[in-house]
């Protein structure tokens, strides 16, 4: 996610995304994080995930793993939109 300087650390591996989704949910639950930071983290996460999914589109096993994260992200996005 973000380093101590506030720079986004690109997510690349399945473990990065799996752990990153938990971090993203935790960030959105935080009362101290700004809306700008929450929105930025969500946008970066989604962008990195789309790139990873495209990278592994021809590998069924990896593609399936990334699709599970995509589905969880879609569900999380729906919760965010509902408030």
N, C-alpha and C. Protein backbone atom coordinates (compact mmCIF):
# COMPACT_ATOMS: atom_id res chain seq x y z
N UNK A 1 0.85 -1.18 0.00
CA UNK A 1 0.00 0.00 0.00
C UNK A 1 0.90 1.25 0.00
N UNK A 2 0.80 2.05 1.01
CA UNK A 2 1.61 3.26 1.08
C UNK A 2 2.81 3.05 1.99
N UNK A 3 3.95 3.63 1.60
CA UNK A 3 5.10 3.56 2.49
C UNK A 3 5.00 4.70 3.51
N UNK A 4 6.01 4.83 4.36
CA UNK A 4 5.99 5.85 5.41
C UNK A 4 6.01 7.27 4.87
N UNK A 5 6.46 7.43 3.63
CA UNK A 5 6.50 8.76 3.01
C UNK A 5 5.21 9.07 2.26
N UNK A 6 4.28 8.12 2.26
CA UNK A 6 3.02 8.33 1.58
C UNK A 6 3.03 7.96 0.11
N UNK A 7 4.09 7.31 -0.34
CA UNK A 7 4.19 6.87 -1.74
C UNK A 7 3.55 5.49 -1.90
N UNK A 8 2.83 5.31 -2.99
CA UNK A 8 2.20 4.02 -3.25
C UNK A 8 3.24 2.98 -3.60
N UNK A 9 3.15 1.82 -3.00
CA UNK A 9 4.02 0.70 -3.32
C UNK A 9 3.21 -0.23 -4.23
N UNK A 10 3.59 -0.34 -5.49
CA UNK A 10 2.82 -1.16 -6.43
C UNK A 10 2.68 -2.61 -5.96
N UNK A 11 1.48 -3.15 -6.15
CA UNK A 11 1.20 -4.53 -5.79
C UNK A 11 1.46 -5.40 -7.01
N UNK A 12 2.13 -6.53 -6.81
CA UNK A 12 2.51 -7.35 -7.95
C UNK A 12 2.13 -8.82 -7.78
N UNK A 13 2.33 -9.37 -6.61
CA UNK A 13 2.08 -10.80 -6.42
C UNK A 13 0.68 -11.03 -5.84
N UNK A 14 0.24 -12.27 -5.92
CA UNK A 14 -1.06 -12.59 -5.34
C UNK A 14 -1.08 -12.27 -3.86
N UNK A 15 0.00 -12.59 -3.16
CA UNK A 15 0.07 -12.28 -1.72
C UNK A 15 -0.02 -10.78 -1.47
N UNK A 16 0.62 -9.97 -2.34
CA UNK A 16 0.50 -8.51 -2.22
C UNK A 16 -0.96 -8.09 -2.27
N UNK A 17 -1.71 -8.67 -3.21
CA UNK A 17 -3.11 -8.30 -3.36
C UNK A 17 -3.97 -8.84 -2.23
N UNK A 18 -3.68 -10.06 -1.81
CA UNK A 18 -4.45 -10.66 -0.73
C UNK A 18 -4.28 -9.85 0.55
N UNK A 19 -3.03 -9.54 0.88
CA UNK A 19 -2.75 -8.73 2.07
C UNK A 19 -3.20 -7.28 1.86
N UNK A 20 -3.02 -6.79 0.64
CA UNK A 20 -3.40 -5.41 0.33
C UNK A 20 -4.88 -5.16 0.44
N UNK A 21 -5.70 -6.16 0.10
CA UNK A 21 -7.14 -6.00 0.23
C UNK A 21 -7.52 -5.85 1.69
N UNK A 22 -6.89 -6.64 2.54
CA UNK A 22 -7.14 -6.50 3.98
C UNK A 22 -6.72 -5.12 4.47
N UNK A 23 -5.57 -4.67 4.00
CA UNK A 23 -5.09 -3.33 4.38
C UNK A 23 -6.03 -2.24 3.87
N UNK A 24 -6.54 -2.43 2.65
CA UNK A 24 -7.46 -1.46 2.07
C UNK A 24 -8.75 -1.37 2.89
N UNK A 25 -9.28 -2.50 3.27
CA UNK A 25 -10.50 -2.53 4.08
C UNK A 25 -10.24 -1.88 5.43
N UNK A 26 -9.09 -2.18 6.01
CA UNK A 26 -8.71 -1.57 7.29
C UNK A 26 -8.58 -0.05 7.15
N UNK A 27 -7.98 0.41 6.07
CA UNK A 27 -7.84 1.84 5.83
C UNK A 27 -9.21 2.51 5.73
N UNK A 28 -10.12 1.88 5.01
CA UNK A 28 -11.46 2.45 4.85
C UNK A 28 -12.24 2.44 6.16
N UNK A 29 -11.87 1.57 7.08
CA UNK A 29 -12.52 1.53 8.39
C UNK A 29 -11.92 2.55 9.35
N UNK A 30 -10.77 3.07 9.00
CA UNK A 30 -10.07 4.02 9.85
C UNK A 30 -10.80 5.36 9.92
N UNK A 31 -10.88 5.89 11.09
CA UNK A 31 -11.49 7.21 11.26
C UNK A 31 -10.46 8.32 11.12
N UNK A 32 -9.18 7.97 11.10
CA UNK A 32 -8.13 8.99 11.00
C UNK A 32 -7.65 9.20 9.57
N UNK A 33 -7.91 8.25 8.69
CA UNK A 33 -7.47 8.38 7.29
C UNK A 33 -8.40 9.36 6.56
N UNK A 34 -7.79 10.20 5.74
CA UNK A 34 -8.58 11.16 4.97
C UNK A 34 -9.30 10.46 3.83
N UNK A 35 -10.37 11.07 3.37
CA UNK A 35 -11.11 10.51 2.23
C UNK A 35 -10.23 10.48 0.99
N UNK A 36 -9.36 11.48 0.85
CA UNK A 36 -8.45 11.52 -0.30
C UNK A 36 -7.52 10.31 -0.28
N UNK A 37 -6.99 9.98 0.90
CA UNK A 37 -6.10 8.83 1.00
C UNK A 37 -6.85 7.53 0.73
N UNK A 38 -8.07 7.43 1.24
CA UNK A 38 -8.89 6.23 1.00
C UNK A 38 -9.16 6.07 -0.49
N UNK A 39 -9.58 7.16 -1.13
CA UNK A 39 -9.87 7.12 -2.56
C UNK A 39 -8.64 6.78 -3.38
N UNK A 40 -7.50 7.36 -3.00
CA UNK A 40 -6.25 7.10 -3.70
C UNK A 40 -5.84 5.64 -3.57
N UNK A 41 -5.93 5.10 -2.37
CA UNK A 41 -5.57 3.70 -2.15
C UNK A 41 -6.47 2.78 -2.96
N UNK A 42 -7.76 3.08 -2.96
CA UNK A 42 -8.70 2.24 -3.73
C UNK A 42 -8.37 2.29 -5.21
N UNK A 43 -8.12 3.49 -5.74
CA UNK A 43 -7.82 3.64 -7.17
C UNK A 43 -6.53 2.93 -7.54
N UNK A 44 -5.49 3.08 -6.72
CA UNK A 44 -4.21 2.41 -6.99
C UNK A 44 -4.38 0.89 -6.93
N UNK A 45 -5.07 0.42 -5.91
CA UNK A 45 -5.28 -1.02 -5.76
C UNK A 45 -5.99 -1.57 -6.99
N UNK A 46 -7.06 -0.90 -7.39
CA UNK A 46 -7.85 -1.36 -8.53
C UNK A 46 -7.01 -1.35 -9.81
N UNK A 47 -6.22 -0.31 -10.00
CA UNK A 47 -5.37 -0.20 -11.19
C UNK A 47 -4.33 -1.32 -11.22
N UNK A 48 -3.68 -1.56 -10.09
CA UNK A 48 -2.68 -2.63 -10.02
C UNK A 48 -3.32 -4.00 -10.25
N UNK A 49 -4.52 -4.20 -9.70
CA UNK A 49 -5.20 -5.48 -9.85
C UNK A 49 -5.61 -5.72 -11.31
N UNK A 50 -6.09 -4.69 -11.97
CA UNK A 50 -6.45 -4.83 -13.39
C UNK A 50 -5.23 -5.19 -14.23
N UNK A 51 -4.09 -4.57 -13.93
CA UNK A 51 -2.86 -4.87 -14.66
C UNK A 51 -2.42 -6.32 -14.40
N UNK A 52 -2.51 -6.76 -13.16
CA UNK A 52 -2.12 -8.13 -12.83
C UNK A 52 -3.04 -9.14 -13.49
N UNK A 53 -4.34 -8.84 -13.48
CA UNK A 53 -5.30 -9.76 -14.10
C UNK A 53 -5.02 -9.88 -15.59
N UNK A 54 -4.68 -8.79 -16.24
CA UNK A 54 -4.34 -8.84 -17.67
C UNK A 54 -3.06 -9.62 -17.91
N UNK A 55 -2.11 -9.47 -17.01
CA UNK A 55 -0.83 -10.17 -17.15
C UNK A 55 -1.03 -11.68 -17.08
N UNK A 56 -1.96 -12.15 -16.27
CA UNK A 56 -2.13 -13.58 -16.06
C UNK A 56 -3.35 -14.15 -16.77
N UNK A 57 -3.91 -13.41 -17.72
CA UNK A 57 -5.12 -13.86 -18.41
C UNK A 57 -4.94 -15.21 -19.12
N UNK A 58 -3.74 -15.51 -19.58
CA UNK A 58 -3.48 -16.77 -20.29
C UNK A 58 -3.10 -17.92 -19.37
N UNK A 59 -2.95 -17.65 -18.09
CA UNK A 59 -2.61 -18.68 -17.11
C UNK A 59 -3.85 -18.93 -16.25
N UNK A 60 -4.55 -20.03 -16.53
CA UNK A 60 -5.85 -20.27 -15.88
C UNK A 60 -5.76 -20.33 -14.36
N UNK A 61 -4.74 -20.97 -13.83
CA UNK A 61 -4.62 -21.09 -12.38
C UNK A 61 -4.42 -19.73 -11.73
N UNK A 62 -3.47 -18.97 -12.24
CA UNK A 62 -3.22 -17.65 -11.67
C UNK A 62 -4.38 -16.71 -11.93
N UNK A 63 -4.95 -16.80 -13.13
CA UNK A 63 -6.08 -15.94 -13.47
C UNK A 63 -7.24 -16.16 -12.51
N UNK A 64 -7.48 -17.41 -12.17
CA UNK A 64 -8.57 -17.74 -11.25
C UNK A 64 -8.32 -17.15 -9.87
N UNK A 65 -7.08 -17.21 -9.41
CA UNK A 65 -6.74 -16.63 -8.11
C UNK A 65 -6.97 -15.12 -8.11
N UNK A 66 -6.54 -14.45 -9.17
CA UNK A 66 -6.71 -13.01 -9.24
C UNK A 66 -8.18 -12.65 -9.39
N UNK A 67 -8.95 -13.48 -10.08
CA UNK A 67 -10.38 -13.21 -10.23
C UNK A 67 -11.08 -13.26 -8.87
N UNK A 68 -10.59 -14.10 -7.96
CA UNK A 68 -11.19 -14.15 -6.63
C UNK A 68 -10.97 -12.82 -5.90
N UNK A 69 -9.82 -12.22 -6.08
CA UNK A 69 -9.54 -10.92 -5.47
C UNK A 69 -10.41 -9.85 -6.14
N UNK A 70 -10.56 -9.94 -7.46
CA UNK A 70 -11.41 -8.99 -8.19
C UNK A 70 -12.83 -9.05 -7.63
N UNK A 71 -13.34 -10.25 -7.42
CA UNK A 71 -14.69 -10.41 -6.89
C UNK A 71 -14.82 -9.80 -5.51
N UNK A 72 -13.84 -10.02 -4.65
CA UNK A 72 -13.86 -9.44 -3.31
C UNK A 72 -13.82 -7.92 -3.39
N UNK A 73 -13.04 -7.39 -4.33
CA UNK A 73 -12.95 -5.94 -4.49
C UNK A 73 -14.29 -5.37 -4.96
N UNK A 74 -14.95 -6.06 -5.86
CA UNK A 74 -16.27 -5.62 -6.34
C UNK A 74 -17.26 -5.59 -5.18
N UNK A 75 -17.24 -6.61 -4.36
CA UNK A 75 -18.13 -6.65 -3.20
C UNK A 75 -17.81 -5.51 -2.23
N UNK A 76 -16.54 -5.24 -2.02
CA UNK A 76 -16.13 -4.15 -1.14
C UNK A 76 -16.57 -2.81 -1.72
N UNK A 77 -16.41 -2.65 -3.03
CA UNK A 77 -16.82 -1.40 -3.68
C UNK A 77 -18.33 -1.16 -3.53
N UNK A 78 -19.11 -2.22 -3.60
CA UNK A 78 -20.56 -2.10 -3.41
C UNK A 78 -20.87 -1.61 -1.99
N UNK A 79 -20.16 -2.14 -1.00
CA UNK A 79 -20.35 -1.72 0.38
C UNK A 79 -20.00 -0.25 0.54
N UNK A 80 -18.91 0.18 -0.08
CA UNK A 80 -18.50 1.59 -0.01
C UNK A 80 -19.58 2.49 -0.60
N UNK A 81 -20.11 2.10 -1.74
CA UNK A 81 -21.12 2.91 -2.41
C UNK A 81 -22.41 3.01 -1.58
N UNK A 82 -22.71 1.97 -0.83
CA UNK A 82 -23.91 1.98 0.00
C UNK A 82 -23.73 2.84 1.25
N UNK A 83 -22.48 3.16 1.55
CA UNK A 83 -22.19 4.02 2.70
C UNK A 83 -21.97 3.25 3.90
